[in-house]
Amino acid sequence: MLKWPRLFAIEVKKDCCVSDRFPEGGGAGPWRWCWSKTSFNSDEAAELDGCLSLLGGLLLNTRPDKWRWSTESSCLFSTASVKALAEVPDAGVNRVWKWKGCWIPLKCKIFVWRSVLDRIPTRKALARRNVHIDSEVCSLCGEVTETWTKFFFACEVAIEVWHRLSSWAKIPPIFAFAFGDLLVCYKWSGLGKEVKDIVWGLIVVSCWCIWKARNGKIFSNGRKNSFEIFREVKSLGFLWLKSRSKHRNIVWSERCNYPLYMLVKE
């Protein structure tokens, strides 16, 4: 219909299947056309030549179609194969994605994973997909274009959140120019492995809260600033770490002053 519109116009049964027109036996024999007329004009003949040259030599088998999972030798889908696929080093950010061994909910990790791949619906991404939006400007600061990179690194509100997080956790200031950089900056915090995992989790929680604030401002007329966003980072981080990790004895009053106090003492 799209590639050869003149041939489609003279097709008798326009909802036919490919197998209805393909030669019998999967390709050996004449095409089984069903035209509304017996003679073609020059344009129709040119489209038919183009169609036959593209499909010439193509062979189909007669077996029924079925889904195959190419990452397994058995061609059967498994959850383990998806995890193995996700843990392969990504060429774009040169790192291994962390799926397990963390107290962060899966929804947050999936969101950050999609952010690394530029698969979150920022305003710029929606405009690129021909979705009508009133503006491409960042919803939080109203200054920069809302792309997946500028939203987390150039937005004034996001920058203030990263500054508050680094001051609160007593780690070097967080600066990044790509999402992959943001997710590996915890490695240079000068802390132990277990403490670094907590810092990594706090970064993920911050990304989640910044995105939630953005959606709240668009869809619920929210008015959160960097202070309110960071307050949510602290409360969610405390709740998830206490309920989803082995650190069940952490105290809110002490954690508010220094989130890594307990691990440093250990």
Protein backbone atom coordinates (compact mmCIF):
# COMPACT_ATOMS: atom_id res chain seq x y z
CA MET A 1 0.00 0.00 0.00
CA LEU A 2 2.80 2.44 0.86
CA LYS A 3 5.67 1.30 -1.34
CA TRP A 4 3.65 0.40 -4.43
CA PRO A 5 0.37 2.37 -4.21
CA ARG A 6 -0.58 1.86 -7.88
CA LEU A 7 -0.36 -1.92 -7.53
CA PHE A 8 -2.36 -1.72 -4.33
CA ALA A 9 -5.05 0.26 -6.15
CA ILE A 10 -5.61 -2.53 -8.68
CA GLU A 11 -5.43 -5.36 -6.13
CA VAL A 12 -8.81 -7.08 -5.89
CA LYS A 13 -8.56 -8.35 -2.32
CA LYS A 14 -6.81 -5.57 -0.42
CA ASP A 15 -6.79 -7.42 2.93
CA CYS A 16 -5.06 -10.49 1.52
CA CYS A 17 -2.09 -12.11 3.20
CA VAL A 18 1.40 -12.38 1.73
CA SER A 19 0.94 -16.14 1.47
CA ASP A 20 -2.10 -15.58 -0.78
CA ARG A 21 0.11 -14.04 -3.46
CA PHE A 22 3.40 -15.83 -2.87
CA PRO A 23 4.24 -18.72 -5.22
CA GLU A 24 3.16 -22.14 -4.05
CA GLY A 25 5.82 -24.22 -2.36
CA GLY A 26 7.52 -21.24 -0.76
CA GLY A 27 8.89 -19.58 -3.89
CA ALA A 28 9.08 -22.11 -6.73
CA GLY A 29 6.49 -21.08 -9.28
CA PRO A 30 4.61 -18.06 -10.60
CA TRP A 31 3.21 -15.34 -8.34
CA ARG A 32 -0.50 -15.64 -7.70
CA TRP A 33 -1.57 -12.08 -8.44
CA CYS A 34 -5.20 -11.00 -8.46
CA TRP A 35 -5.48 -7.73 -10.35
CA SER A 36 -8.63 -5.86 -11.28
CA LYS A 37 -7.41 -5.49 -14.89
CA THR A 38 -5.23 -7.41 -17.34
CA SER A 39 -3.09 -4.61 -18.80
CA PHE A 40 -0.76 -2.22 -16.97
CA ASN A 41 0.24 1.33 -17.74
CA SER A 42 3.89 2.39 -17.53
CA ASP A 43 3.71 3.46 -13.86
CA GLU A 44 2.06 0.23 -12.76
CA ALA A 45 4.56 -1.82 -14.77
CA ALA A 46 7.46 0.05 -13.17
CA GLU A 47 6.11 -0.65 -9.69
CA LEU A 48 5.65 -4.34 -10.53
CA ASP A 49 9.25 -4.56 -11.79
CA GLY A 50 10.46 -2.95 -8.57
CA CYS A 51 8.38 -5.34 -6.48
CA LEU A 52 9.64 -8.43 -8.30
CA SER A 53 13.27 -7.29 -8.20
CA LEU A 54 13.02 -6.77 -4.43
CA LEU A 55 11.28 -10.10 -3.77
CA GLY A 56 13.10 -12.10 -6.40
CA GLY A 57 14.93 -15.11 -5.01
CA LEU A 58 13.09 -14.92 -1.69
CA LEU A 59 12.12 -18.33 -0.32
CA LEU A 60 9.65 -19.02 2.49
CA ASN A 61 9.20 -22.20 4.47
CA THR A 62 5.81 -23.71 5.13
CA ARG A 63 6.29 -24.12 8.87
CA PRO A 64 4.08 -21.99 11.14
CA ASP A 65 5.63 -18.85 12.60
CA LYS A 66 6.88 -18.93 16.18
CA TRP A 67 8.82 -16.74 18.62
CA ARG A 68 12.50 -17.52 19.23
CA TRP A 69 14.70 -16.12 22.05
CA SER A 70 18.08 -15.69 20.37
CA THR A 71 20.16 -15.32 23.56
CA GLU A 72 19.42 -18.91 24.66
CA SER A 73 20.71 -21.96 22.80
CA SER A 74 17.33 -23.59 23.38
CA CYS A 75 15.59 -20.52 21.86
CA LEU A 76 13.31 -20.46 24.91
CA PHE A 77 12.80 -17.30 26.97
CA SER A 78 14.03 -17.16 30.56
CA THR A 79 14.31 -14.38 33.13
CA ALA A 80 17.92 -15.34 33.83
CA SER A 81 18.86 -14.69 30.21
CA VAL A 82 17.41 -11.16 30.44
CA LYS A 83 19.51 -10.42 33.52
CA ALA A 84 22.60 -11.78 31.81
CA LEU A 85 21.88 -9.61 28.80
CA ALA A 86 21.46 -6.49 30.96
CA GLU A 87 24.74 -7.14 32.81
CA VAL A 88 26.85 -7.07 29.65
CA PRO A 89 29.05 -3.92 29.61
CA ASP A 90 27.27 -1.18 27.68
CA ALA A 91 29.36 0.31 24.87
CA GLY A 92 27.84 3.74 25.30
CA VAL A 93 28.74 4.25 28.96
CA ASN A 94 31.45 1.57 29.39
CA ARG A 95 30.08 0.04 32.54
CA VAL A 96 28.13 -2.94 33.86
CA TRP A 97 24.57 -2.35 34.94
CA LYS A 98 23.81 -3.23 38.57
CA TRP A 99 20.59 -5.22 38.85
CA LYS A 100 20.95 -7.07 42.12
CA GLY A 101 22.48 -6.66 45.53
CA CYS A 102 20.91 -3.27 46.12
CA TRP A 103 18.14 -1.95 48.34
CA ILE A 104 16.64 0.25 45.61
CA PRO A 105 13.21 -0.82 44.26
CA LEU A 106 13.22 -2.30 40.79
CA LYS A 107 11.07 0.51 39.38
CA CYS A 108 13.82 3.03 40.18
CA LYS A 109 16.57 0.91 38.67
CA ILE A 110 14.54 0.36 35.51
CA PHE A 111 13.91 4.10 35.24
CA VAL A 112 17.63 4.88 35.50
CA TRP A 113 18.43 2.12 33.01
CA ARG A 114 15.97 3.66 30.54
CA SER A 115 17.51 7.07 31.20
CA VAL A 116 20.95 5.77 30.26
CA LEU A 117 19.46 4.57 26.96
CA ASP A 118 17.61 7.89 26.39
CA ARG A 119 14.24 6.16 26.64
CA ILE A 120 12.43 8.47 29.04
CA PRO A 121 9.69 10.79 27.70
CA THR A 122 11.34 14.17 28.10
CA ARG A 123 9.75 17.06 26.23
CA LYS A 124 12.44 17.00 23.57
CA ALA A 125 11.98 13.26 23.08
CA LEU A 126 8.21 13.66 22.77
CA ALA A 127 8.62 16.43 20.19
CA ARG A 128 11.03 14.19 18.26
CA ARG A 129 8.26 11.58 18.13
CA ASN A 130 5.75 14.14 16.79
CA VAL A 131 3.82 14.36 20.07
CA HIS A 132 2.22 17.79 20.42
CA ILE A 133 3.58 19.68 23.45
CA ASP A 134 3.26 23.32 24.39
CA SER A 135 7.00 23.85 24.97
CA GLU A 136 10.33 21.99 24.99
CA VAL A 137 11.63 23.99 27.97
CA CYS A 138 12.48 22.15 31.20
CA SER A 139 9.44 21.81 33.44
CA LEU A 140 11.37 22.44 36.67
CA CYS A 141 13.63 25.39 35.91
CA GLY A 142 11.94 26.83 32.81
CA GLU A 143 15.31 27.68 31.24
CA VAL A 144 17.09 24.80 29.46
CA THR A 145 15.66 22.50 26.80
CA GLU A 146 14.29 19.38 28.45
CA THR A 147 16.52 16.68 27.00
CA TRP A 148 17.57 13.61 28.97
CA THR A 149 21.05 15.06 29.58
CA LYS A 150 20.21 18.69 30.34
CA PHE A 151 17.29 17.75 32.57
CA PHE A 152 19.55 16.00 35.11
CA PHE A 153 22.78 18.01 34.69
CA ALA A 154 21.95 21.52 33.42
CA CYS A 155 18.62 22.16 35.16
CA GLU A 156 19.16 24.56 38.06
CA VAL A 157 16.82 22.60 40.34
CA ALA A 158 18.62 19.30 39.63
CA ILE A 159 22.03 20.91 40.17
CA GLU A 160 20.90 22.13 43.60
CA VAL A 161 19.69 18.63 44.48
CA TRP A 162 23.10 17.15 43.59
CA HIS A 163 24.82 19.84 45.65
CA ARG A 164 22.62 19.11 48.67
CA LEU A 165 23.21 15.36 48.29
CA SER A 166 27.01 15.65 48.14
CA SER A 167 27.07 18.00 51.14
CA TRP A 168 24.75 15.76 53.17
CA ALA A 169 26.63 12.54 52.36
CA LYS A 170 30.03 14.27 52.79
CA ILE A 171 31.28 13.12 49.39
CA PRO A 172 33.03 15.11 46.61
CA PRO A 173 30.70 17.39 44.61
CA ILE A 174 28.68 15.53 41.99
CA PHE A 175 29.40 16.74 38.45
CA ALA A 176 28.42 14.82 35.33
CA PHE A 177 28.05 15.42 31.61
CA ALA A 178 26.37 12.12 30.78
CA PHE A 179 24.14 9.75 32.67
CA GLY A 180 26.84 7.08 32.69
CA ASP A 181 29.17 9.49 34.49
CA LEU A 182 26.52 10.15 37.14
CA LEU A 183 26.16 6.45 37.91
CA VAL A 184 29.90 5.84 38.40
CA CYS A 185 30.88 8.98 40.33
CA TYR A 186 30.33 7.12 43.62
CA LYS A 187 33.49 5.11 42.91
CA TRP A 188 35.66 8.14 43.70
CA SER A 189 34.00 8.95 47.01
CA GLY A 190 36.94 7.51 48.95
CA LEU A 191 34.65 5.22 50.96
CA GLY A 192 34.42 1.46 51.42
CA LYS A 193 32.56 -0.85 49.04
CA GLU A 194 29.44 -1.19 51.18
CA VAL A 195 29.24 2.54 51.76
CA LYS A 196 29.70 3.16 48.02
CA ASP A 197 26.66 0.98 47.38
CA ILE A 198 24.63 3.25 49.65
CA VAL A 199 25.88 6.32 47.79
CA TRP A 200 24.97 4.71 44.48
CA GLY A 201 21.51 4.03 45.82
CA LEU A 202 21.09 7.63 46.97
CA ILE A 203 21.99 8.84 43.48
CA VAL A 204 19.33 6.57 41.99
CA VAL A 205 16.76 7.77 44.54
CA SER A 206 17.62 11.37 43.66
CA CYS A 207 17.06 10.73 39.95
CA TRP A 208 13.72 9.14 40.77
CA CYS A 209 12.60 12.04 42.97
CA ILE A 210 13.68 14.67 40.42
CA TRP A 211 11.67 12.91 37.73
CA LYS A 212 8.66 12.58 40.06
CA ALA A 213 8.80 16.30 40.79
CA ARG A 214 8.89 17.03 37.08
CA ASN A 215 5.81 14.88 36.44
CA GLY A 216 4.01 16.39 39.42
CA LYS A 217 4.56 19.89 38.07
CA ILE A 218 3.24 18.92 34.63
CA PHE A 219 0.28 16.75 35.55
CA SER A 220 -0.69 17.91 39.05
CA ASN A 221 0.41 21.54 39.02
CA GLY A 222 3.03 20.78 41.67
CA ARG A 223 5.46 23.41 42.93
CA LYS A 224 8.37 21.45 44.42
CA ASN A 225 11.75 23.16 44.73
CA SER A 226 15.17 21.60 45.29
CA PHE A 227 14.73 21.62 49.09
CA GLU A 228 11.45 19.69 48.92
CA ILE A 229 12.84 17.24 46.37
CA PHE A 230 15.89 16.56 48.52
CA ARG A 231 13.70 16.13 51.60
CA GLU A 232 11.91 13.36 49.72
CA VAL A 233 15.28 11.84 48.78
CA LYS A 234 16.20 11.64 52.47
CA SER A 235 12.86 10.15 53.57
CA LEU A 236 12.62 7.57 50.76
CA GLY A 237 16.27 6.66 51.15
CA PHE A 238 15.78 6.05 54.87
CA LEU A 239 12.56 4.06 54.35
CA TRP A 240 13.95 1.80 51.62
CA LEU A 241 17.33 1.24 53.27
CA LYS A 242 15.75 0.35 56.61
CA SER A 243 13.08 -1.95 55.16
CA ARG A 244 14.90 -3.48 52.18
CA SER A 245 18.44 -4.08 53.48
CA LYS A 246 20.21 -5.63 56.44
CA HIS A 247 20.62 -2.22 58.10
CA ARG A 248 17.41 -2.43 60.11
CA ASN A 249 18.82 -0.62 63.15
CA ILE A 250 19.42 2.77 61.51
CA VAL A 251 17.92 5.73 63.36
CA TRP A 252 16.17 8.57 61.56
CA SER A 253 17.50 11.35 63.79
CA GLU A 254 21.13 10.31 63.29
CA ARG A 255 20.71 9.56 59.60
CA CYS A 256 19.30 13.03 58.99
CA ASN A 257 22.66 14.50 60.04
CA TYR A 258 24.87 12.03 58.16
CA PRO A 259 23.33 9.25 56.04
CA LEU A 260 26.40 6.99 56.17
CA TYR A 261 27.08 7.32 59.91
CA MET A 262 26.31 3.71 60.78
CA LEU A 263 28.35 2.16 57.98
CA VAL A 264 31.33 4.39 58.65
CA LYS A 265 31.30 3.37 62.31
CA GLU A 266 31.11 -0.28 61.33
